[in-house]
Protein backbone atom coordinates (compact mmCIF):
# COMPACT_ATOMS: atom_id res chain seq x y z
CA MET A 1 5.35 25.29 24.57
CA LYS A 2 4.89 28.70 23.05
CA LYS A 3 2.47 29.23 20.21
CA ALA A 4 3.30 31.51 17.34
CA GLY A 5 1.57 32.39 14.12
CA ARG A 6 3.20 31.81 10.76
CA THR A 7 3.43 35.58 10.31
CA GLY A 8 5.38 37.80 12.67
CA LEU A 9 7.41 34.92 14.10
CA ARG A 10 9.70 35.94 16.93
CA ARG A 11 13.34 35.45 15.92
CA SER A 12 15.94 35.49 18.69
CA SER A 13 19.43 36.59 17.88
CA PRO A 14 20.90 34.06 17.51
CA PRO A 15 17.81 31.84 16.98
CA ARG A 16 17.18 29.28 19.72
CA VAL A 17 16.85 25.76 18.27
CA ALA A 18 16.13 22.45 20.01
CA LEU A 19 17.57 19.28 18.45
CA ILE A 20 15.57 16.30 19.72
CA ILE A 21 17.69 13.65 18.01
CA GLU A 22 19.15 10.46 19.47
CA THR A 23 22.88 10.42 20.11
CA THR A 24 23.24 6.72 20.97
CA MET A 25 23.34 5.59 17.32
CA SER A 26 25.54 6.72 14.46
CA TYR A 27 22.32 7.49 12.52
CA GLY A 28 21.50 10.34 14.91
CA ARG A 29 25.08 11.50 15.25
CA ARG A 30 25.40 11.82 11.47
CA LEU A 31 22.19 13.86 11.39
CA LEU A 32 23.72 16.15 14.00
CA GLN A 33 26.91 16.39 11.93
CA GLY A 34 24.87 17.63 8.99
CA VAL A 35 23.13 20.20 11.20
CA ALA A 36 26.51 21.28 12.57
CA GLU A 37 27.87 21.67 9.05
CA TYR A 38 25.01 23.99 8.09
CA VAL A 39 25.24 25.99 11.33
CA SER A 40 29.00 26.45 10.98
CA GLU A 41 28.47 27.99 7.54
CA ASN A 42 25.23 29.90 8.12
CA GLY A 43 24.89 30.36 11.91
CA PRO A 44 25.32 30.95 14.68
CA TRP A 45 22.42 29.23 16.43
CA SER A 46 21.87 28.83 20.15
CA VAL A 47 21.39 25.06 20.30
CA TYR A 48 19.66 22.94 22.93
CA PHE A 49 20.32 19.20 22.83
CA ASP A 50 21.07 16.40 25.28
CA PRO A 51 22.36 12.84 24.98
CA ARG A 52 19.34 10.63 24.34
CA SER A 53 18.04 7.43 22.75
CA PRO A 54 15.13 7.27 20.26
CA TYR A 55 12.77 6.02 22.97
CA ASP A 56 13.68 8.41 25.80
CA PRO A 57 10.70 9.96 27.65
CA ALA A 58 9.39 13.44 26.96
CA LEU A 59 11.51 16.45 27.87
CA PRO A 60 9.73 18.42 30.62
CA SER A 61 11.89 21.46 29.90
CA LEU A 62 10.23 21.85 26.47
CA ASP A 63 6.71 22.28 27.88
CA ASN A 64 7.17 26.00 28.36
CA TRP A 65 10.17 26.46 26.11
CA ASP A 66 10.40 29.87 24.47
CA GLY A 67 12.40 28.87 21.41
CA ASP A 68 12.37 29.55 17.68
CA GLY A 69 12.60 26.13 16.02
CA ILE A 70 12.87 22.36 16.49
CA ILE A 71 14.45 19.52 14.53
CA THR A 72 13.25 16.14 15.75
CA ARG A 73 13.64 12.42 15.15
CA VAL A 74 11.93 10.80 18.10
CA LEU A 75 9.60 7.85 18.57
CA GLU A 76 8.18 8.65 22.02
CA PRO A 77 4.45 9.46 21.64
CA LYS A 78 4.36 12.14 24.35
CA ILE A 79 6.92 14.17 22.43
CA THR A 80 5.51 13.56 18.97
CA GLY A 81 2.00 14.48 20.06
CA THR A 82 3.21 17.83 21.36
CA LEU A 83 5.38 18.59 18.36
CA THR A 84 2.68 17.92 15.79
CA LYS A 85 0.42 20.49 17.49
CA THR A 86 2.86 23.33 18.12
CA SER A 87 3.09 26.27 15.76
CA ILE A 88 6.79 26.71 16.45
CA PRO A 89 8.57 25.74 13.19
CA VAL A 90 9.37 22.03 13.34
CA VAL A 91 11.26 19.81 10.88
CA ASN A 92 10.53 16.11 11.28
CA LEU A 93 13.12 13.42 10.44
CA ASN A 94 10.98 10.45 11.45
CA ALA A 95 8.46 9.10 8.97
CA THR A 96 6.56 7.17 11.65
CA ILE A 97 5.08 10.44 12.98
CA SER A 98 4.32 11.94 9.59
CA THR A 99 1.15 14.01 9.48
CA GLY A 100 1.29 15.10 5.85
CA VAL A 101 3.42 18.21 5.52
CA SER A 102 2.84 19.50 9.06
CA PRO A 103 5.47 19.34 10.35
CA PRO A 104 7.49 19.07 7.11
CA LEU A 105 9.24 15.73 6.67
CA ILE A 106 12.74 14.87 5.46
CA LEU A 107 13.53 11.17 5.17
CA ASN A 108 15.66 8.56 3.46
CA ASP A 109 14.67 7.50 -0.04
CA GLN A 110 13.81 3.99 1.13
CA ASP A 111 13.07 2.70 -2.38
CA ALA A 112 16.50 3.81 -3.58
CA ILE A 113 18.12 2.11 -0.59
CA GLY A 114 16.41 -1.18 -1.44
CA GLN A 115 17.36 -0.83 -5.09
CA MET A 116 21.01 -0.26 -4.17
CA GLY A 117 21.01 -3.48 -2.14
CA ALA A 118 19.55 -5.37 -5.10
CA ARG A 119 22.14 -3.99 -7.54
CA HIS A 120 24.98 -4.95 -5.20
CA LEU A 121 23.78 -8.56 -5.07
CA LEU A 122 22.87 -8.70 -8.75
CA ASP A 123 26.37 -7.49 -9.62
CA ARG A 124 27.71 -10.49 -7.72
CA GLY A 125 25.71 -12.85 -9.88
CA PHE A 126 22.97 -13.91 -7.46
CA LYS A 127 19.76 -15.34 -8.87
CA GLN A 128 17.97 -16.10 -5.58
CA PHE A 129 16.97 -13.22 -3.30
CA GLY A 130 15.29 -12.56 0.01
CA PHE A 131 14.50 -9.73 2.41
CA VAL A 132 14.52 -9.85 6.22
CA GLY A 133 12.92 -6.89 7.94
CA PHE A 134 9.93 -5.90 10.06
CA PRO A 135 6.74 -6.15 7.97
CA GLY A 136 4.19 -3.51 8.92
CA PHE A 137 6.73 -0.76 9.53
CA ALA A 138 6.67 1.71 6.64
CA TRP A 139 10.44 2.23 6.42
CA SER A 140 11.06 -1.54 6.29
CA ASP A 141 8.23 -2.17 3.82
CA GLN A 142 9.49 0.58 1.50
CA ARG A 143 13.03 -0.83 1.54
CA TYR A 144 11.60 -4.25 0.69
CA GLN A 145 9.52 -2.76 -2.11
CA GLY A 146 12.55 -1.10 -3.74
CA PHE A 147 14.61 -4.27 -3.34
CA ARG A 148 11.88 -6.52 -4.74
CA GLU A 149 11.13 -4.28 -7.72
CA ALA A 150 14.81 -4.13 -8.74
CA VAL A 151 15.16 -7.91 -8.39
CA GLU A 152 12.00 -8.55 -10.42
CA GLU A 153 13.06 -6.07 -13.08
CA ALA A 154 16.22 -8.16 -13.51
CA GLY A 155 14.04 -11.23 -14.07
CA PHE A 156 14.22 -12.92 -10.64
CA ASP A 157 11.92 -13.53 -7.67
CA CYS A 158 12.26 -12.26 -4.10
CA ARG A 159 10.96 -13.85 -0.89
CA GLN A 160 10.31 -11.89 2.28
CA TYR A 161 10.74 -13.36 5.75
CA LEU A 162 7.63 -12.71 7.85
CA CYS A 163 8.32 -12.08 11.53
CA GLY A 164 6.66 -14.14 14.20
CA SER A 165 5.53 -10.96 15.97
CA GLY A 166 4.25 -7.55 14.99
CA LYS A 167 5.91 -5.78 17.92
CA ASN A 168 8.36 -2.95 17.55
CA GLU A 169 11.79 -4.54 17.20
CA SER A 170 13.06 -2.61 20.25
CA GLN A 171 10.50 -4.31 22.52
CA TYR A 172 11.56 -7.95 22.11
CA HIS A 173 12.80 -9.65 25.27
CA PRO A 174 15.85 -11.95 25.05
CA GLN A 175 13.69 -15.09 25.35
CA SER A 176 11.34 -14.02 22.56
CA TRP A 177 14.33 -12.99 20.46
CA ASP A 178 15.83 -16.46 20.90
CA LYS A 179 12.64 -18.01 19.55
CA GLU A 180 12.60 -15.52 16.70
CA ILE A 181 16.22 -16.29 15.75
CA LEU A 182 15.45 -20.02 15.68
CA ARG A 183 12.46 -19.34 13.43
CA LEU A 184 14.63 -17.18 11.16
CA ALA A 185 17.32 -19.89 11.11
CA ASP A 186 14.74 -22.40 9.89
CA TRP A 187 13.67 -19.98 7.12
CA VAL A 188 17.29 -19.47 6.03
CA ARG A 189 17.95 -23.22 6.04
CA LYS A 190 15.04 -23.81 3.64
CA ARG A 191 16.03 -21.15 1.10
CA PRO A 192 17.64 -22.23 -2.20
CA LYS A 193 21.38 -21.52 -2.31
CA PRO A 194 23.33 -19.47 -3.13
CA ILE A 195 21.09 -16.57 -2.14
CA GLY A 196 21.53 -12.85 -1.56
CA LEU A 197 19.65 -11.37 1.42
CA LEU A 198 19.01 -7.73 2.32
CA ALA A 199 18.21 -6.90 5.96
CA SER A 200 16.11 -3.86 6.83
CA HIS A 201 18.95 -2.40 8.93
CA ASP A 202 22.32 -3.47 10.34
CA PHE A 203 21.00 -4.83 13.61
CA ARG A 204 18.46 -6.95 11.74
CA ALA A 205 21.42 -8.19 9.69
CA VAL A 206 23.16 -9.14 12.95
CA HIS A 207 20.14 -11.33 13.77
CA LEU A 208 20.28 -12.78 10.27
CA LEU A 209 23.97 -13.68 10.55
CA ASP A 210 23.26 -15.33 13.90
CA ALA A 211 20.50 -17.33 12.22
CA CYS A 212 22.91 -18.41 9.46
CA HIS A 213 25.42 -19.65 12.03
CA ARG A 214 22.73 -21.58 13.91
CA SER A 215 21.57 -23.24 10.72
CA ASN A 216 25.16 -24.10 9.66
CA VAL A 217 24.86 -21.99 6.52
CA ALA A 218 28.13 -20.51 5.24
CA VAL A 219 28.37 -16.73 4.82
CA PRO A 220 29.08 -15.49 2.16
CA GLU A 221 29.56 -18.74 0.20
CA GLU A 222 25.93 -19.88 0.56
CA VAL A 223 24.22 -16.73 1.84
CA ALA A 224 25.44 -13.19 1.19
CA VAL A 225 24.06 -10.60 3.63
CA VAL A 226 23.69 -6.83 3.19
CA GLY A 227 22.67 -4.45 5.98
CA ILE A 228 21.60 -0.80 5.97
CA ASP A 229 22.88 2.25 7.91
CA ASN A 230 26.60 1.36 8.11
CA GLU A 231 26.68 1.27 11.91
CA SER A 232 30.41 0.67 11.71
CA ILE A 233 30.91 -0.89 15.15
CA ALA A 234 28.09 -3.37 14.62
CA CYS A 235 29.30 -4.12 11.08
CA GLU A 236 32.87 -4.80 12.17
CA LEU A 237 31.84 -6.89 15.19
CA CYS A 238 29.85 -9.25 12.97
CA HIS A 239 31.30 -12.54 11.81
CA PRO A 240 31.94 -12.12 8.99
CA PRO A 241 32.04 -8.28 8.91
CA LEU A 242 28.85 -6.90 7.41
CA THR A 243 28.45 -5.17 4.06
CA SER A 244 26.16 -2.17 4.55
CA ILE A 245 24.41 0.55 2.57
CA ILE A 246 25.17 4.14 3.62
CA PRO A 247 22.13 6.44 3.82
CA ASP A 248 23.09 10.11 3.51
CA HIS A 249 22.23 11.10 7.08
CA ARG A 250 24.60 14.06 7.05
CA ARG A 251 22.78 15.52 4.08
CA MET A 252 19.47 14.89 5.81
CA GLY A 253 20.70 16.87 8.80
CA ARG A 254 21.99 19.66 6.61
CA GLU A 255 18.75 19.84 4.61
CA ALA A 256 16.75 19.85 7.85
CA ALA A 257 18.77 22.77 9.20
CA ALA A 258 18.40 24.71 5.95
CA LEU A 259 14.65 24.10 5.89
CA LEU A 260 14.22 25.11 9.52
CA ASP A 261 16.19 28.28 8.88
CA ARG A 262 13.72 29.21 6.13
CA LEU A 263 10.71 28.35 8.28
CA MET A 264 12.01 30.51 11.14
CA LYS A 265 12.14 33.40 8.68
CA GLY A 266 8.46 32.94 7.94
CA GLU A 267 8.60 30.98 4.69
CA SER A 268 5.95 28.34 3.98
CA PRO A 269 6.78 24.64 4.40
CA PRO A 270 7.25 22.46 1.30
CA GLU A 271 4.15 20.76 -0.11
CA LYS A 272 5.84 17.35 -0.31
CA GLU A 273 8.19 15.34 1.86
CA ILE A 274 11.87 15.55 0.92
CA ARG A 275 13.58 12.22 0.13
CA ILE A 276 17.37 11.87 0.34
CA PRO A 277 19.04 9.08 -1.71
CA PRO A 278 21.79 6.87 -0.20
CA ILE A 279 25.49 7.62 -0.66
CA GLY A 280 26.77 4.17 -1.55
CA ILE A 281 27.75 0.87 0.01
CA VAL A 282 30.68 -0.35 2.12
CA THR A 283 31.63 -3.85 0.98
CA ARG A 284 32.83 -6.19 3.71
CA LYS A 285 33.27 -9.96 4.00
CA SER A 286 29.54 -10.80 4.20
CA THR A 287 29.22 -10.28 0.41
CA ASP A 288 32.81 -10.95 -0.63
CA VAL A 289 31.77 -13.62 -3.11
CA MET A 290 30.65 -13.99 -6.69
CA ALA A 291 27.59 -16.18 -7.24
CA ILE A 292 28.21 -16.88 -10.89
CA ASP A 293 27.86 -19.99 -13.00
CA ASP A 294 31.23 -19.67 -14.75
CA PRO A 295 33.89 -21.06 -12.36
CA MET A 296 36.71 -19.44 -14.36
CA VAL A 297 35.20 -15.96 -13.96
CA ALA A 298 34.53 -16.64 -10.26
CA LYS A 299 38.17 -17.62 -9.77
CA ALA A 300 39.36 -14.56 -11.71
CA ILE A 301 37.25 -12.15 -9.66
CA SER A 302 38.42 -13.77 -6.42
CA PHE A 303 42.01 -13.13 -7.57
CA ILE A 304 41.14 -9.51 -8.44
CA ARG A 305 39.61 -8.87 -4.99
CA GLU A 306 42.66 -10.33 -3.31
CA HIS A 307 45.26 -8.45 -5.37
CA ALA A 308 43.57 -5.33 -6.82
CA PHE A 309 45.34 -3.05 -4.33
CA ASP A 310 48.73 -4.50 -5.31
CA GLY A 311 48.49 -2.74 -8.67
CA ILE A 312 47.67 -5.74 -10.83
CA ASN A 313 46.53 -5.20 -14.41
CA VAL A 314 44.71 -7.33 -16.97
CA ASN A 315 47.92 -9.02 -18.12
CA ASP A 316 48.74 -10.10 -14.55
CA LEU A 317 45.34 -11.75 -14.31
CA LEU A 318 45.75 -13.50 -17.66
CA ARG A 319 49.12 -14.94 -16.58
CA HIS A 320 47.53 -16.20 -13.36
CA MET A 321 44.55 -17.75 -15.16
CA LEU A 322 46.57 -19.16 -18.11
CA VAL A 323 43.91 -18.10 -20.58
CA SER A 324 43.74 -15.79 -23.59
CA ARG A 325 42.56 -12.19 -23.24
CA SER A 326 39.73 -12.56 -25.76
CA SER A 327 38.41 -15.74 -24.15
CA LEU A 328 38.36 -14.29 -20.63
CA GLN A 329 36.87 -10.97 -21.78
CA ILE A 330 34.00 -12.85 -23.45
CA ARG A 331 33.40 -14.85 -20.28
CA PHE A 332 33.39 -11.67 -18.14
CA ARG A 333 30.92 -9.93 -20.44
CA LYS A 334 28.61 -12.94 -20.33
CA ALA A 335 28.86 -13.57 -16.57
CA VAL A 336 28.92 -10.05 -15.05
CA ASN A 337 28.32 -7.74 -18.03
CA ARG A 338 31.57 -5.86 -17.40
CA SER A 339 35.10 -5.96 -18.74
CA ILE A 340 38.04 -7.26 -16.73
CA LEU A 341 39.39 -3.73 -16.28
CA ASP A 342 35.99 -2.49 -15.14
CA VAL A 343 35.94 -5.04 -12.33
CA ILE A 344 39.49 -4.17 -11.25
CA LEU A 345 38.67 -0.46 -11.16
CA ASP A 346 35.36 -1.05 -9.34
CA VAL A 347 37.19 -2.79 -6.50
CA ARG A 348 39.78 -0.03 -6.28
CA ILE A 349 37.31 2.85 -6.37
CA GLU A 350 35.22 1.38 -3.55
CA ARG A 351 38.38 1.29 -1.44
CA VAL A 352 39.24 4.86 -2.44
CA LYS A 353 35.80 5.99 -1.21
CA ALA A 354 36.33 4.28 2.12
CA LEU A 355 39.76 5.85 2.66
CA LEU A 356 38.55 9.32 1.65
CA SER A 357 35.74 9.23 4.20
CA ARG A 358 37.45 7.35 7.03
CA SER A 359 41.12 8.40 7.01
CA GLU A 360 43.41 11.42 6.97
CA LEU A 361 45.63 9.93 4.26
CA SER A 362 46.89 12.19 1.48
CA LEU A 363 45.77 11.48 -2.07
CA ARG A 364 49.21 10.02 -2.72
CA GLY A 365 48.81 7.77 0.29
CA ILE A 366 45.39 6.63 -0.90
CA ALA A 367 46.71 5.91 -4.39
CA ASP A 368 49.53 3.82 -2.93
CA ARG A 369 47.04 1.75 -0.90
CA THR A 370 44.56 1.15 -3.71
CA GLY A 371 46.77 0.07 -6.58
CA PHE A 372 46.90 3.35 -8.53
CA THR A 373 50.37 4.29 -9.73
CA HIS A 374 49.44 7.91 -10.42
CA VAL A 375 47.16 10.21 -8.43
CA GLU A 376 46.09 11.87 -11.70
CA TYR A 377 44.78 8.60 -13.11
CA MET A 378 43.00 7.79 -9.84
CA SER A 379 41.37 11.23 -9.96
CA THR A 380 40.23 10.79 -13.57
CA VAL A 381 38.75 7.35 -12.94
CA PHE A 382 37.06 8.50 -9.74
CA LYS A 383 35.45 11.53 -11.40
CA LYS A 384 34.21 9.43 -14.33
CA ARG A 385 32.65 6.78 -12.08
CA THR A 386 31.21 8.95 -9.31
CA GLY A 387 30.58 12.32 -10.99
CA THR A 388 32.54 14.14 -8.28
CA THR A 389 36.17 14.96 -7.53
CA LEU A 390 38.24 13.33 -4.82
CA SER A 391 38.31 16.51 -2.74
CA GLN A 392 34.57 17.09 -3.11
CA TYR A 393 33.81 13.53 -2.01
CA ARG A 394 36.08 13.83 1.02
CA LYS A 395 34.57 17.17 2.04
CA LYS A 396 31.05 15.79 1.80
CA HIS A 397 31.65 12.52 3.62
CA LYS A 398 34.33 13.35 6.16
CA PRO A 399 32.88 13.42 9.71
CA ILE A 400 33.03 16.69 11.65
CA GLY A 401 32.83 17.28 15.38
CA ILE A 402 29.50 17.71 17.13
CA GLN A 403 31.21 20.39 19.23
CA GLN A 404 30.76 22.73 16.26
CA LEU A 405 27.07 22.86 17.18
CA LEU A 406 28.02 24.79 20.28
CA ASP A 407 30.50 27.18 18.67
């Protein structure tokens, strides 16, 4: 691999950039989408990348590669050892190979991810909490730390499941996994119910749901489960479908491309790592429950979740519940610290976010499917609650084609 000083860096036209990022997971593909977005606006770049998994072996073609920059998120030691020594500008997207600020590091704000999981479960009235991850791995430990701190700040305790092995999660064999799932099932069975659990990522949540089934624990009635990464296929294949936090991987990719562009022009790397907060959370059946002490409020919120997209209002709910407005409002404030209308709008706005990012529907079509009579009102509520417009949110979160990398 070529060596170059920080001054007088060779700059091809267009610059030649290697993207050593896995393509087998949506995590890596979203990173590439962010890179593609930056390149389409600020390029062109001549891009080298191949289909790969996080644990693929080293790339022999890079040994004598005469390129201008590298963006990497790999776990294979032979690659990471080479990349941390080269003087070609490198941007690192994997905290497990961090060596200070060389190469510069961009990563998820793991604390914020954990905190978002805690808020989601706290909003549903849970008072018992647990975390299932991979102790000893920094990214998992940091997510647990953020989750635990938010839970404790709200006045509750959090228990962490401790794995039976310290191995990398990718290295378990089916037999050892079966033993691990049985051990996890026993841990779940012994937890006080109802309980809200955050898994360190979606595939850990898959293991957790399997453990719940084996221990005859009902999800979400007894155990509500939240994953991380929004690996949509895995989330939808789960039974029940998995609620998941959405890290902003596209922004990470875009920020990585922007930083590499500056480094290739000879600028100095940042003194600190760059942390990117999560986007939000996709609510699915695994947390479609309210763990609250007031059965009337629980029944009311269940009705709201079932009929919010039909355009119901507060009066419709009151007729269904056969209770006075003032009485039910007081109960809502006490149980979930929100008004009835707030809860109705929360449910609708989460659905609006999902349709903006995952469909080609017009704003009128989205309004029709989320219970908003007028697009203007939907737009006003959305801006007030998210701080961004409908069009801005769609532009930021709508997937783009990886083919743009090659344009």
